[in-house]
Amino acid sequence: LSCAASQSIFSRLRMGWYRQAPGKQRRLVAGISIDGSTDYEDSVKGR
């Protein structure tokens, strides 16, 4: 998946991928900081 952001504030903020399954609330599954450090929801770690 790819995401394009419209403004340069992108480079100054922590970013994430969220997902919303049918009938469920949106949740964060992966995040990345400005310095490149990452974190993942347990269900997607390693994948």
PDB file of all heavy atoms in Angstrom:
ATOM      1  N   LEU A   1       0.837  -1.188   0.000  1.00  0.00           N
ATOM      2  CA  LEU A   1       0.000   0.000   0.000  1.00  0.00           C
ATOM      3  C   LEU A   1       0.878   1.247   0.000  1.00  0.00           C
ATOM      4  O   LEU A   1       1.975   1.247   0.572  1.00  0.00           O
ATOM      5  CB  LEU A   1      -0.898   0.018   1.241  1.00  0.00           C
ATOM      6  CG  LEU A   1      -1.755  -1.219   1.505  1.00  0.00           C
ATOM      7  CD1 LEU A   1      -2.639  -0.989   2.712  1.00  0.00           C
ATOM      8  CD2 LEU A   1      -2.567  -1.587   0.282  1.00  0.00           C
ATOM      9  N   SER A   2       0.360   2.291  -0.631  1.00  0.00           N
ATOM     10  CA  SER A   2       1.068   3.570  -0.652  1.00  0.00           C
ATOM     11  C   SER A   2       0.129   4.695  -0.268  1.00  0.00           C
ATOM     12  O   SER A   2      -1.072   4.629  -0.537  1.00  0.00           O
ATOM     13  CB  SER A   2       1.639   3.840  -2.046  1.00  0.00           C
ATOM     14  OG  SER A   2       2.659   2.927  -2.364  1.00  0.00           O
ATOM     15  N   CYS A   3       0.699   5.710   0.357  1.00  0.00           N
ATOM     16  CA  CYS A   3      -0.071   6.878   0.766  1.00  0.00           C
ATOM     17  C   CYS A   3       0.721   8.114   0.369  1.00  0.00           C
ATOM     18  O   CYS A   3       1.914   8.230   0.685  1.00  0.00           O
ATOM     19  CB  CYS A   3      -0.289   6.854   2.267  1.00  0.00           C
ATOM     20  SG  CYS A   3      -0.899   8.403   2.984  1.00  0.00           S
ATOM     21  N   ALA A   4       0.058   9.035  -0.309  1.00  0.00           N
ATOM     22  CA  ALA A   4       0.669  10.311  -0.660  1.00  0.00           C
ATOM     23  C   ALA A   4       0.011  11.401   0.159  1.00  0.00           C
ATOM     24  O   ALA A   4      -1.227  11.492   0.200  1.00  0.00           O
ATOM     25  CB  ALA A   4       0.491  10.580  -2.150  1.00  0.00           C
ATOM     26  N   ALA A   5       0.822  12.209   0.809  1.00  0.00           N
ATOM     27  CA  ALA A   5       0.308  13.314   1.623  1.00  0.00           C
ATOM     28  C   ALA A   5       0.519  14.610   0.872  1.00  0.00           C
ATOM     29  O   ALA A   5       1.501  14.774   0.144  1.00  0.00           O
ATOM     30  CB  ALA A   5       1.009  13.355   2.974  1.00  0.00           C
ATOM     31  N   SER A   6      -0.389  15.526   1.074  1.00  0.00           N
ATOM     32  CA  SER A   6      -0.393  16.734   0.256  1.00  0.00           C
ATOM     33  C   SER A   6       0.521  17.833   0.770  1.00  0.00           C
ATOM     34  O   SER A   6       0.829  18.753   0.048  1.00  0.00           O
ATOM     35  CB  SER A   6      -1.809  17.300   0.163  1.00  0.00           C
ATOM     36  OG  SER A   6      -2.263  17.696   1.449  1.00  0.00           O
ATOM     37  N   GLN A   7       0.956  17.755   1.992  1.00  0.00           N
ATOM     38  CA  GLN A   7       1.740  18.859   2.518  1.00  0.00           C
ATOM     39  C   GLN A   7       3.007  18.383   3.207  1.00  0.00           C
ATOM     40  O   GLN A   7       3.110  17.251   3.631  1.00  0.00           O
ATOM     41  CB  GLN A   7       0.903  19.682   3.506  1.00  0.00           C
ATOM     42  CG  GLN A   7      -0.241  20.419   2.859  1.00  0.00           C
ATOM     43  CD  GLN A   7      -0.879  21.413   3.808  1.00  0.00           C
ATOM     44  OE1 GLN A   7      -0.408  21.612   4.931  1.00  0.00           O
ATOM     45  NE2 GLN A   7      -1.945  22.057   3.383  1.00  0.00           N
ATOM     46  N   SER A   8       3.953  19.272   3.314  1.00  0.00           N
ATOM     47  CA  SER A   8       5.260  18.898   3.854  1.00  0.00           C
ATOM     48  C   SER A   8       5.264  18.695   5.359  1.00  0.00           C
ATOM     49  O   SER A   8       6.260  18.280   5.906  1.00  0.00           O
ATOM     50  CB  SER A   8       6.302  19.943   3.480  1.00  0.00           C
ATOM     51  OG  SER A   8       5.943  21.193   4.036  1.00  0.00           O
ATOM     52  N   ILE A   9       4.121  18.931   6.020  1.00  0.00           N
ATOM     53  CA  ILE A   9       4.085  18.661   7.456  1.00  0.00           C
ATOM     54  C   ILE A   9       4.317  17.179   7.714  1.00  0.00           C
ATOM     55  O   ILE A   9       4.697  16.770   8.797  1.00  0.00           O
ATOM     56  CB  ILE A   9       2.738  19.069   8.095  1.00  0.00           C
ATOM     57  CG1 ILE A   9       1.566  18.284   7.492  1.00  0.00           C
ATOM     58  CG2 ILE A   9       2.531  20.557   7.987  1.00  0.00           C
ATOM     59  CD1 ILE A   9       0.274  18.469   8.230  1.00  0.00           C
ATOM     60  N   PHE A  10       4.058  16.392   6.689  1.00  0.00           N
ATOM     61  CA  PHE A  10       4.271  14.954   6.770  1.00  0.00           C
ATOM     62  C   PHE A  10       5.636  14.643   7.358  1.00  0.00           C
ATOM     63  O   PHE A  10       5.776  13.746   8.188  1.00  0.00           O
ATOM     64  CB  PHE A  10       4.124  14.382   5.358  1.00  0.00           C
ATOM     65  CG  PHE A  10       4.521  12.955   5.198  1.00  0.00           C
ATOM     66  CD1 PHE A  10       3.583  11.953   5.308  1.00  0.00           C
ATOM     67  CD2 PHE A  10       5.831  12.614   4.910  1.00  0.00           C
ATOM     68  CE1 PHE A  10       3.945  10.628   5.134  1.00  0.00           C
ATOM     69  CE2 PHE A  10       6.205  11.288   4.742  1.00  0.00           C
ATOM     70  CZ  PHE A  10       5.254  10.300   4.849  1.00  0.00           C
ATOM     71  N   SER A  11       6.657  15.365   6.918  1.00  0.00           N
ATOM     72  CA  SER A  11       8.031  15.048   7.314  1.00  0.00           C
ATOM     73  C   SER A  11       8.316  15.391   8.771  1.00  0.00           C
ATOM     74  O   SER A  11       9.357  15.020   9.296  1.00  0.00           O
ATOM     75  CB  SER A  11       9.017  15.782   6.413  1.00  0.00           C
ATOM     76  OG  SER A  11       8.879  17.176   6.600  1.00  0.00           O
ATOM     77  N   ARG A  12       7.400  16.089   9.434  1.00  0.00           N
ATOM     78  CA  ARG A  12       7.630  16.517  10.814  1.00  0.00           C
ATOM     79  C   ARG A  12       6.770  15.753  11.817  1.00  0.00           C
ATOM     80  O   ARG A  12       6.791  16.056  13.016  1.00  0.00           O
ATOM     81  CB  ARG A  12       7.333  18.006  10.955  1.00  0.00           C
ATOM     82  CG  ARG A  12       8.148  18.868  10.008  1.00  0.00           C
ATOM     83  CD  ARG A  12       8.123  20.324  10.427  1.00  0.00           C
ATOM     84  NE  ARG A  12       6.782  20.893  10.403  1.00  0.00           N
ATOM     85  CZ  ARG A  12       6.251  21.478   9.344  1.00  0.00           C
ATOM     86  NH1 ARG A  12       6.917  21.544   8.226  1.00  0.00           N
ATOM     87  NH2 ARG A  12       5.044  21.998   9.415  1.00  0.00           N
ATOM     88  N   LEU A  13       5.993  14.790  11.341  1.00  0.00           N
ATOM     89  CA  LEU A  13       5.035  14.118  12.201  1.00  0.00           C
ATOM     90  C   LEU A  13       5.174  12.602  12.158  1.00  0.00           C
ATOM     91  O   LEU A  13       5.595  12.037  11.151  1.00  0.00           O
ATOM     92  CB  LEU A  13       3.618  14.499  11.796  1.00  0.00           C
ATOM     93  CG  LEU A  13       3.252  15.981  11.924  1.00  0.00           C
ATOM     94  CD1 LEU A  13       1.904  16.234  11.289  1.00  0.00           C
ATOM     95  CD2 LEU A  13       3.273  16.410  13.376  1.00  0.00           C
ATOM     96  N   ARG A  14       4.799  11.974  13.252  1.00  0.00           N
ATOM     97  CA  ARG A  14       4.701  10.522  13.276  1.00  0.00           C
ATOM     98  C   ARG A  14       3.506  10.116  12.416  1.00  0.00           C
ATOM     99  O   ARG A  14       2.459  10.759  12.452  1.00  0.00           O
ATOM    100  CB  ARG A  14       4.515  10.055  14.712  1.00  0.00           C
ATOM    101  CG  ARG A  14       4.635   8.563  14.906  1.00  0.00           C
ATOM    102  CD  ARG A  14       4.796   8.218  16.387  1.00  0.00           C
ATOM    103  NE  ARG A  14       4.760   6.776  16.584  1.00  0.00           N
ATOM    104  CZ  ARG A  14       3.883   6.150  17.351  1.00  0.00           C
ATOM    105  NH1 ARG A  14       2.982   6.844  18.012  1.00  0.00           N
ATOM    106  NH2 ARG A  14       3.921   4.843  17.479  1.00  0.00           N
ATOM    107  N   MET A  15       3.692   9.078  11.609  1.00  0.00           N
ATOM    108  CA  MET A  15       2.669   8.659  10.654  1.00  0.00           C
ATOM    109  C   MET A  15       2.251   7.221  10.930  1.00  0.00           C
ATOM    110  O   MET A  15       3.029   6.423  11.481  1.00  0.00           O
ATOM    111  CB  MET A  15       3.188   8.756   9.222  1.00  0.00           C
ATOM    112  CG  MET A  15       3.488  10.166   8.760  1.00  0.00           C
ATOM    113  SD  MET A  15       2.011  11.198   8.643  1.00  0.00           S
ATOM    114  CE  MET A  15       1.036  10.264   7.451  1.00  0.00           C
ATOM    115  N   GLY A  16       1.047   6.887  10.484  1.00  0.00           N
ATOM    116  CA  GLY A  16       0.580   5.529  10.728  1.00  0.00           C
ATOM    117  C   GLY A  16      -0.380   5.024   9.674  1.00  0.00           C
ATOM    118  O   GLY A  16      -0.978   5.805   8.919  1.00  0.00           O
ATOM    119  N   TRP A  17      -0.493   3.714   9.608  1.00  0.00           N
ATOM    120  CA  TRP A  17      -1.525   3.045   8.815  1.00  0.00           C
ATOM    121  C   TRP A  17      -2.591   2.538   9.775  1.00  0.00           C
ATOM    122  O   TRP A  17      -2.283   1.880  10.777  1.00  0.00           O
ATOM    123  CB  TRP A  17      -0.939   1.891   8.024  1.00  0.00           C
ATOM    124  CG  TRP A  17      -0.264   2.319   6.758  1.00  0.00           C
ATOM    125  CD1 TRP A  17       1.073   2.504   6.558  1.00  0.00           C
ATOM    126  CD2 TRP A  17      -0.905   2.616   5.519  1.00  0.00           C
ATOM    127  NE1 TRP A  17       1.305   2.908   5.268  1.00  0.00           N
ATOM    128  CE2 TRP A  17       0.109   2.979   4.601  1.00  0.00           C
ATOM    129  CE3 TRP A  17      -2.229   2.609   5.069  1.00  0.00           C
ATOM    130  CZ2 TRP A  17      -0.156   3.344   3.275  1.00  0.00           C
ATOM    131  CZ3 TRP A  17      -2.491   2.963   3.767  1.00  0.00           C
ATOM    132  CH2 TRP A  17      -1.478   3.325   2.883  1.00  0.00           C
ATOM    133  N   TYR A  18      -3.827   2.828   9.418  1.00  0.00           N
ATOM    134  CA  TYR A  18      -4.978   2.404  10.196  1.00  0.00           C
ATOM    135  C   TYR A  18      -5.819   1.469   9.332  1.00  0.00           C
ATOM    136  O   TYR A  18      -5.772   1.547   8.106  1.00  0.00           O
ATOM    137  CB  TYR A  18      -5.842   3.607  10.585  1.00  0.00           C
ATOM    138  CG  TYR A  18      -5.148   4.649  11.433  1.00  0.00           C
ATOM    139  CD1 TYR A  18      -4.243   5.546  10.885  1.00  0.00           C
ATOM    140  CD2 TYR A  18      -5.436   4.761  12.788  1.00  0.00           C
ATOM    141  CE1 TYR A  18      -3.623   6.521  11.662  1.00  0.00           C
ATOM    142  CE2 TYR A  18      -4.829   5.737  13.579  1.00  0.00           C
ATOM    143  CZ  TYR A  18      -3.930   6.607  13.003  1.00  0.00           C
ATOM    144  OH  TYR A  18      -3.326   7.577  13.778  1.00  0.00           O
ATOM    145  N   ARG A  19      -6.614   0.631   9.966  1.00  0.00           N
ATOM    146  CA  ARG A  19      -7.542  -0.185   9.193  1.00  0.00           C
ATOM    147  C   ARG A  19      -8.877  -0.293   9.911  1.00  0.00           C
ATOM    148  O   ARG A  19      -8.934  -0.243  11.138  1.00  0.00           O
ATOM    149  CB  ARG A  19      -6.962  -1.567   8.903  1.00  0.00           C
ATOM    150  CG  ARG A  19      -6.865  -2.510  10.091  1.00  0.00           C
ATOM    151  CD  ARG A  19      -6.204  -3.818   9.653  1.00  0.00           C
ATOM    152  NE  ARG A  19      -6.068  -4.767  10.748  1.00  0.00           N
ATOM    153  CZ  ARG A  19      -5.388  -5.904  10.665  1.00  0.00           C
ATOM    154  NH1 ARG A  19      -4.775  -6.228   9.524  1.00  0.00           N
ATOM    155  NH2 ARG A  19      -5.317  -6.718  11.707  1.00  0.00           N
ATOM    156  N   GLN A  20      -9.918  -0.441   9.098  1.00  0.00           N
ATOM    157  CA  GLN A  20     -11.263  -0.604   9.636  1.00  0.00           C
ATOM    158  C   GLN A  20     -11.915  -1.781   8.954  1.00  0.00           C
ATOM    159  O   GLN A  20     -12.179  -1.733   7.743  1.00  0.00           O
ATOM    160  CB  GLN A  20     -12.091   0.663   9.437  1.00  0.00           C
ATOM    161  CG  GLN A  20     -13.452   0.596  10.106  1.00  0.00           C
ATOM    162  CD  GLN A  20     -14.151   1.936  10.134  1.00  0.00           C
ATOM    163  OE1 GLN A  20     -13.831   2.847   9.365  1.00  0.00           O
ATOM    164  NE2 GLN A  20     -15.121   2.090  11.046  1.00  0.00           N
ATOM    165  N   ALA A  21     -12.134  -2.824   9.722  1.00  0.00           N
ATOM    166  CA  ALA A  21     -12.809  -4.016   9.207  1.00  0.00           C
ATOM    167  C   ALA A  21     -14.320  -3.804   9.303  1.00  0.00           C
ATOM    168  O   ALA A  21     -14.793  -2.976  10.082  1.00  0.00           O
ATOM    169  CB  ALA A  21     -12.385  -5.232  10.021  1.00  0.00           C
ATOM    170  N   PRO A  22     -15.078  -4.550   8.509  1.00  0.00           N
ATOM    171  CA  PRO A  22     -16.542  -4.406   8.533  1.00  0.00           C
ATOM    172  C   PRO A  22     -17.106  -4.575   9.941  1.00  0.00           C
ATOM    173  O   PRO A  22     -16.794  -5.550  10.627  1.00  0.00           O
ATOM    174  CB  PRO A  22     -17.010  -5.521   7.608  1.00  0.00           C
ATOM    175  CG  PRO A  22     -15.867  -5.756   6.681  1.00  0.00           C
ATOM    176  CD  PRO A  22     -14.630  -5.540   7.509  1.00  0.00           C
ATOM    177  N   GLY A  23     -17.903  -3.608  10.375  1.00  0.00           N
ATOM    178  CA  GLY A  23     -18.544  -3.692  11.677  1.00  0.00           C
ATOM    179  C   GLY A  23     -17.645  -3.407  12.864  1.00  0.00           C
ATOM    180  O   GLY A  23     -18.054  -3.573  14.011  1.00  0.00           O
ATOM    181  N   LYS A  24     -16.415  -2.971  12.592  1.00  0.00           N
ATOM    182  CA  LYS A  24     -15.471  -2.713  13.687  1.00  0.00           C
ATOM    183  C   LYS A  24     -14.960  -1.282  13.614  1.00  0.00           C
ATOM    184  O   LYS A  24     -15.060  -0.607  12.591  1.00  0.00           O
ATOM    185  CB  LYS A  24     -14.307  -3.697  13.623  1.00  0.00           C
ATOM    186  CG  LYS A  24     -14.726  -5.148  13.820  1.00  0.00           C
ATOM    187  CD  LYS A  24     -13.524  -6.035  13.946  1.00  0.00           C
ATOM    188  CE  LYS A  24     -13.949  -7.480  14.225  1.00  0.00           C
ATOM    189  NZ  LYS A  24     -12.767  -8.389  14.365  1.00  0.00           N
ATOM    190  N   GLN A  25     -14.357  -0.837  14.714  1.00  0.00           N
ATOM    191  CA  GLN A  25     -13.797   0.501  14.746  1.00  0.00           C
ATOM    192  C   GLN A  25     -12.439   0.527  14.061  1.00  0.00           C
ATOM    193  O   GLN A  25     -11.723  -0.474  14.012  1.00  0.00           O
ATOM    194  CB  GLN A  25     -13.661   0.956  16.201  1.00  0.00           C
ATOM    195  CG  GLN A  25     -15.007   1.190  16.882  1.00  0.00           C
ATOM    196  CD  GLN A  25     -14.914   2.179  18.024  1.00  0.00           C
ATOM    197  OE1 GLN A  25     -13.829   2.512  18.479  1.00  0.00           O
ATOM    198  NE2 GLN A  25     -16.053   2.646  18.479  1.00  0.00           N
ATOM    199  N   ARG A  26     -12.117   1.716  13.540  1.00  0.00           N
ATOM    200  CA  ARG A  26     -10.808   1.899  12.938  1.00  0.00           C
ATOM    201  C   ARG A  26      -9.735   1.776  14.027  1.00  0.00           C
ATOM    202  O   ARG A  26      -9.904   2.275  15.137  1.00  0.00           O
ATOM    203  CB  ARG A  26     -10.726   3.272  12.275  1.00  0.00           C
ATOM    204  CG  ARG A  26      -9.433   3.547  11.552  1.00  0.00           C
ATOM    205  CD  ARG A  26      -9.405   4.967  11.040  1.00  0.00           C
ATOM    206  NE  ARG A  26     -10.233   5.172   9.881  1.00  0.00           N
ATOM    207  CZ  ARG A  26     -11.199   6.080   9.802  1.00  0.00           C
ATOM    208  NH1 ARG A  26     -11.459   6.868  10.839  1.00  0.00           N
ATOM    209  NH2 ARG A  26     -11.912   6.228   8.705  1.00  0.00           N
ATOM    210  N   ARG A  27      -8.626   1.112  13.660  1.00  0.00           N
ATOM    211  CA  ARG A  27      -7.546   0.977  14.620  1.00  0.00           C
ATOM    212  C   ARG A  27      -6.196   1.125  13.947  1.00  0.00           C
ATOM    213  O   ARG A  27      -6.034   0.808  12.767  1.00  0.00           O
ATOM    214  CB  ARG A  27      -7.636  -0.346  15.373  1.00  0.00           C
ATOM    215  CG  ARG A  27      -7.618  -1.589  14.514  1.00  0.00           C
ATOM    216  CD  ARG A  27      -7.971  -2.804  15.352  1.00  0.00           C
ATOM    217  NE  ARG A  27      -6.997  -3.034  16.413  1.00  0.00           N
ATOM    218  CZ  ARG A  27      -7.258  -3.759  17.495  1.00  0.00           C
ATOM    219  NH1 ARG A  27      -8.444  -4.312  17.668  1.00  0.00           N
ATOM    220  NH2 ARG A  27      -6.336  -3.945  18.422  1.00  0.00           N
ATOM    221  N   LEU A  28      -5.228   1.582  14.714  1.00  0.00           N
ATOM    222  CA  LEU A  28      -3.870   1.762  14.219  1.00  0.00           C
ATOM    223  C   LEU A  28      -3.159   0.412  14.172  1.00  0.00           C
ATOM    224  O   LEU A  28      -3.172  -0.326  15.161  1.00  0.00           O
ATOM    225  CB  LEU A  28      -3.121   2.719  15.138  1.00  0.00           C
ATOM    226  CG  LEU A  28      -1.661   2.992  14.826  1.00  0.00           C
ATOM    227  CD1 LEU A  28      -1.521   3.757  13.520  1.00  0.00           C
ATOM    228  CD2 LEU A  28      -1.009   3.769  15.968  1.00  0.00           C
ATOM    229  N   VAL A  29      -2.548   0.090  13.032  1.00  0.00           N
ATOM    230  CA  VAL A  29      -1.841  -1.182  12.933  1.00  0.00           C
ATOM    231  C   VAL A  29      -0.337  -1.018  12.805  1.00  0.00           C
ATOM    232  O   VAL A  29       0.414  -1.946  13.126  1.00  0.00           O
ATOM    233  CB  VAL A  29      -2.363  -2.046  11.766  1.00  0.00           C
ATOM    234  CG1 VAL A  29      -3.810  -2.449  12.010  1.00  0.00           C
ATOM    235  CG2 VAL A  29      -2.219  -1.335  10.434  1.00  0.00           C
ATOM    236  N   ALA A  30       0.127   0.129  12.326  1.00  0.00           N
ATOM    237  CA  ALA A  30       1.564   0.338  12.176  1.00  0.00           C
ATOM    238  C   ALA A  30       1.874   1.825  12.259  1.00  0.00           C
ATOM    239  O   ALA A  30       1.123   2.639  11.722  1.00  0.00           O
ATOM    240  CB  ALA A  30       2.058  -0.228  10.845  1.00  0.00           C
ATOM    241  N   GLY A  31       2.968   2.162  12.917  1.00  0.00           N
ATOM    242  CA  GLY A  31       3.364   3.554  13.048  1.00  0.00           C
ATOM    243  C   GLY A  31       4.848   3.720  12.789  1.00  0.00           C
ATOM    244  O   GLY A  31       5.632   2.788  12.989  1.00  0.00           O
ATOM    245  N   ILE A  32       5.215   4.911  12.317  1.00  0.00           N
ATOM    246  CA  ILE A  32       6.628   5.200  12.072  1.00  0.00           C
ATOM    247  C   ILE A  32       6.921   6.634  12.474  1.00  0.00           C
ATOM    248  O   ILE A  32       6.181   7.560  12.128  1.00  0.00           O
ATOM    249  CB  ILE A  32       7.000   4.933  10.587  1.00  0.00           C
ATOM    250  CG1 ILE A  32       8.495   5.127  10.365  1.00  0.00           C
ATOM    251  CG2 ILE A  32       6.177   5.794   9.635  1.00  0.00           C
ATOM    252  CD1 ILE A  32       8.977   4.572   9.024  1.00  0.00           C
ATOM    253  N   SER A  33       8.003   6.795  13.236  1.00  0.00           N
ATOM    254  CA  SER A  33       8.381   8.118  13.709  1.00  0.00           C
ATOM    255  C   SER A  33       9.244   8.832  12.673  1.00  0.00           C
ATOM    256  O   SER A  33       9.628   8.257  11.661  1.00  0.00           O
ATOM    257  CB  SER A  33       9.143   7.987  15.034  1.00  0.00           C
ATOM    258  OG  SER A  33       8.328   7.392  16.006  1.00  0.00           O
ATOM    259  N   ILE A  34       9.551  10.090  12.979  1.00  0.00           N
ATOM    260  CA  ILE A  34      10.363  10.895  12.064  1.00  0.00           C
ATOM    261  C   ILE A  34      11.737  10.269  11.867  1.00  0.00           C
ATOM    262  O   ILE A  34      12.295  10.300  10.770  1.00  0.00           O
ATOM    263  CB  ILE A  34      10.493  12.323  12.603  1.00  0.00           C
ATOM    264  CG1 ILE A  34       9.113  12.972  12.741  1.00  0.00           C
ATOM    265  CG2 ILE A  34      11.376  13.174  11.694  1.00  0.00           C
ATOM    266  CD1 ILE A  34       9.132  14.261  13.508  1.00  0.00           C
ATOM    267  N   ASP A  35      12.261   9.665  12.922  1.00  0.00           N
ATOM    268  CA  ASP A  35      13.593   9.062  12.831  1.00  0.00           C
ATOM    269  C   ASP A  35      13.574   7.661  12.230  1.00  0.00           C
ATOM    270  O   ASP A  35      14.614   7.012  12.131  1.00  0.00           O
ATOM    271  CB  ASP A  35      14.250   9.018  14.219  1.00  0.00           C
ATOM    272  CG  ASP A  35      13.501   8.130  15.194  1.00  0.00           C
ATOM    273  OD1 ASP A  35      12.485   7.523  14.809  1.00  0.00           O
ATOM    274  OD2 ASP A  35      13.922   8.050  16.361  1.00  0.00           O
ATOM    275  N   GLY A  36      12.393   7.194  11.850  1.00  0.00           N
ATOM    276  CA  GLY A  36      12.296   5.891  11.205  1.00  0.00           C
ATOM    277  C   GLY A  36      11.982   4.733  12.132  1.00  0.00           C
ATOM    278  O   GLY A  36      11.820   3.602  11.663  1.00  0.00           O
ATOM    279  N   SER A  37      11.905   4.972  13.417  1.00  0.00           N
ATOM    280  CA  SER A  37      11.561   3.884  14.332  1.00  0.00           C
ATOM    281  C   SER A  37      10.101   3.487  14.125  1.00  0.00           C
ATOM    282  O   SER A  37       9.251   4.342  13.862  1.00  0.00           O
ATOM    283  CB  SER A  37      11.805   4.301  15.781  1.00  0.00           C
ATOM    284  OG  SER A  37      11.039   5.434  16.114  1.00  0.00           O
ATOM    285  N   THR A  38       9.843   2.194  14.236  1.00  0.00           N
ATOM    286  CA  THR A  38       8.519   1.666  13.913  1.00  0.00           C
ATOM    287  C   THR A  38       7.918   0.888  15.066  1.00  0.00           C
ATOM    288  O   THR A  38       8.630   0.423  15.967  1.00  0.00           O
ATOM    289  CB  THR A  38       8.603   0.736  12.691  1.00  0.00           C
ATOM    290  OG1 THR A  38       9.498  -0.350  12.993  1.00  0.00           O
ATOM    291  CG2 THR A  38       9.114   1.484  11.469  1.00  0.00           C
ATOM    292  N   ASP A  39       6.609   0.753  15.024  1.00  0.00           N
ATOM    293  CA  ASP A  39       5.918  -0.122  15.965  1.00  0.00           C
ATOM    294  C   ASP A  39       4.664  -0.656  15.289  1.00  0.00           C
ATOM    295  O   ASP A  39       4.131  -0.043  14.360  1.00  0.00           O
ATOM    296  CB  ASP A  39       5.568   0.611  17.269  1.00  0.00           C
ATOM    297  CG  ASP A  39       4.777   1.865  17.025  1.00  0.00           C
ATOM    298  OD1 ASP A  39       3.540   1.777  17.001  1.00  0.00           O
ATOM    299  OD2 ASP A  39       5.394   2.932  16.840  1.00  0.00           O
ATOM    300  N   TYR A  40       4.238  -1.836  15.743  1.00  0.00           N
ATOM    301  CA  TYR A  40       3.159  -2.564  15.092  1.00  0.00           C
ATOM    302  C   TYR A  40       2.189  -3.151  16.114  1.00  0.00           C
ATOM    303  O   TYR A  40       2.574  -3.524  17.223  1.00  0.00           O
ATOM    304  CB  TYR A  40       3.728  -3.710  14.252  1.00  0.00           C
ATOM    305  CG  TYR A  40       4.691  -3.264  13.183  1.00  0.00           C
ATOM    306  CD1 TYR A  40       6.054  -3.186  13.428  1.00  0.00           C
ATOM    307  CD2 TYR A  40       4.228  -2.912  11.913  1.00  0.00           C
ATOM    308  CE1 TYR A  40       6.945  -2.758  12.450  1.00  0.00           C
ATOM    309  CE2 TYR A  40       5.109  -2.494  10.928  1.00  0.00           C
ATOM    310  CZ  TYR A  40       6.461  -2.415  11.208  1.00  0.00           C
ATOM    311  OH  TYR A  40       7.329  -1.996  10.232  1.00  0.00           O
ATOM    312  N   GLU A  41       0.954  -3.283  15.670  1.00  0.00           N
ATOM    313  CA  GLU A  41      -0.021  -4.033  16.453  1.00  0.00           C
ATOM    314  C   GLU A  41       0.428  -5.488  16.457  1.00  0.00           C
ATOM    315  O   GLU A  41       0.987  -5.972  15.464  1.00  0.00           O
ATOM    316  CB  GLU A  41      -1.396  -3.893  15.812  1.00  0.00           C
ATOM    317  CG  GLU A  41      -2.510  -4.585  16.559  1.00  0.00           C
ATOM    318  CD  GLU A  41      -3.817  -4.532  15.794  1.00  0.00           C
ATOM    319  OE1 GLU A  41      -3.945  -5.295  14.807  1.00  0.00           O
ATOM    320  OE2 GLU A  41      -4.686  -3.738  16.164  1.00  0.00           O
ATOM    321  N   ASP A  42       0.178  -6.193  17.550  1.00  0.00           N
ATOM    322  CA  ASP A  42       0.659  -7.576  17.660  1.00  0.00           C
ATOM    323  C   ASP A  42       0.204  -8.457  16.510  1.00  0.00           C
ATOM    324  O   ASP A  42       0.949  -9.338  16.056  1.00  0.00           O
ATOM    325  CB  ASP A  42       0.181  -8.178  18.987  1.00  0.00           C
ATOM    326  CG  ASP A  42       0.953  -7.646  20.178  1.00  0.00           C
ATOM    327  OD1 ASP A  42       1.999  -6.993  19.978  1.00  0.00           O
ATOM    328  OD2 ASP A  42       0.503  -7.872  21.315  1.00  0.00           O
ATOM    329  N   SER A  43      -0.992  -8.247  16.010  1.00  0.00           N
ATOM    330  CA  SER A  43      -1.544  -9.134  14.985  1.00  0.00           C
ATOM    331  C   SER A  43      -0.805  -9.050  13.652  1.00  0.00           C
ATOM    332  O   SER A  43      -0.944  -9.949  12.811  1.00  0.00           O
ATOM    333  CB  SER A  43      -3.029  -8.837  14.764  1.00  0.00           C
ATOM    334  OG  SER A  43      -3.200  -7.543  14.210  1.00  0.00           O
ATOM    335  N   VAL A  44      -0.032  -7.988  13.434  1.00  0.00           N
ATOM    336  CA  VAL A  44       0.655  -7.828  12.149  1.00  0.00           C
ATOM    337  C   VAL A  44       2.176  -7.872  12.283  1.00  0.00           C
ATOM    338  O   VAL A  44       2.886  -7.824  11.273  1.00  0.00           O
ATOM    339  CB  VAL A  44       0.238  -6.520  11.449  1.00  0.00           C
ATOM    340  CG1 VAL A  44      -1.278  -6.433  11.336  1.00  0.00           C
ATOM    341  CG2 VAL A  44       0.804  -5.296  12.138  1.00  0.00           C
ATOM    342  N   LYS A  45       2.677  -7.978  13.502  1.00  0.00           N
ATOM    343  CA  LYS A  45       4.132  -8.020  13.704  1.00  0.00           C
ATOM    344  C   LYS A  45       4.753  -9.175  12.941  1.00  0.00           C
ATOM    345  O   LYS A  45       4.244 -10.295  12.953  1.00  0.00           O
ATOM    346  CB  LYS A  45       4.451  -8.165  15.199  1.00  0.00           C
ATOM    347  CG  LYS A  45       4.375  -6.869  15.975  1.00  0.00           C
ATOM    348  CD  LYS A  45       4.744  -7.083  17.434  1.00  0.00           C
ATOM    349  CE  LYS A  45       4.626  -5.793  18.219  1.00  0.00           C
ATOM    350  NZ  LYS A  45       4.898  -5.992  19.659  1.00  0.00           N
ATOM    351  N   GLY A  46       5.861  -8.877  12.273  1.00  0.00           N
ATOM    352  CA  GLY A  46       6.549  -9.898  11.505  1.00  0.00           C
ATOM    353  C   GLY A  46       5.981 -10.116  10.116  1.00  0.00           C
ATOM    354  O   GLY A  46       6.583 -10.826   9.306  1.00  0.00           O
ATOM    355  N   ARG A  47       4.829  -9.519   9.814  1.00  0.00           N
ATOM    356  CA  ARG A  47       4.215  -9.683   8.496  1.00  0.00           C
ATOM    357  C   ARG A  47       4.129  -8.362   7.737  1.00  0.00           C
ATOM    358  O   ARG A  47       4.231  -8.336   6.520  1.00  0.00           O
ATOM    359  CB  ARG A  47       2.801 -10.262   8.641  1.00  0.00           C
ATOM    360  CG  ARG A  47       2.761 -11.606   9.319  1.00  0.00           C
ATOM    361  CD  ARG A  47       1.358 -12.230   9.252  1.00  0.00           C
ATOM    362  NE  ARG A  47       0.353 -11.427   9.949  1.00  0.00           N
ATOM    363  CZ  ARG A  47      -0.728 -10.907   9.361  1.00  0.00           C
ATOM    364  NH1 ARG A  47      -0.954 -11.099   8.076  1.00  0.00           N
ATOM    365  NH2 ARG A  47      -1.607 -10.196  10.086  1.00  0.00           N
TER     366      ARG A  47
END
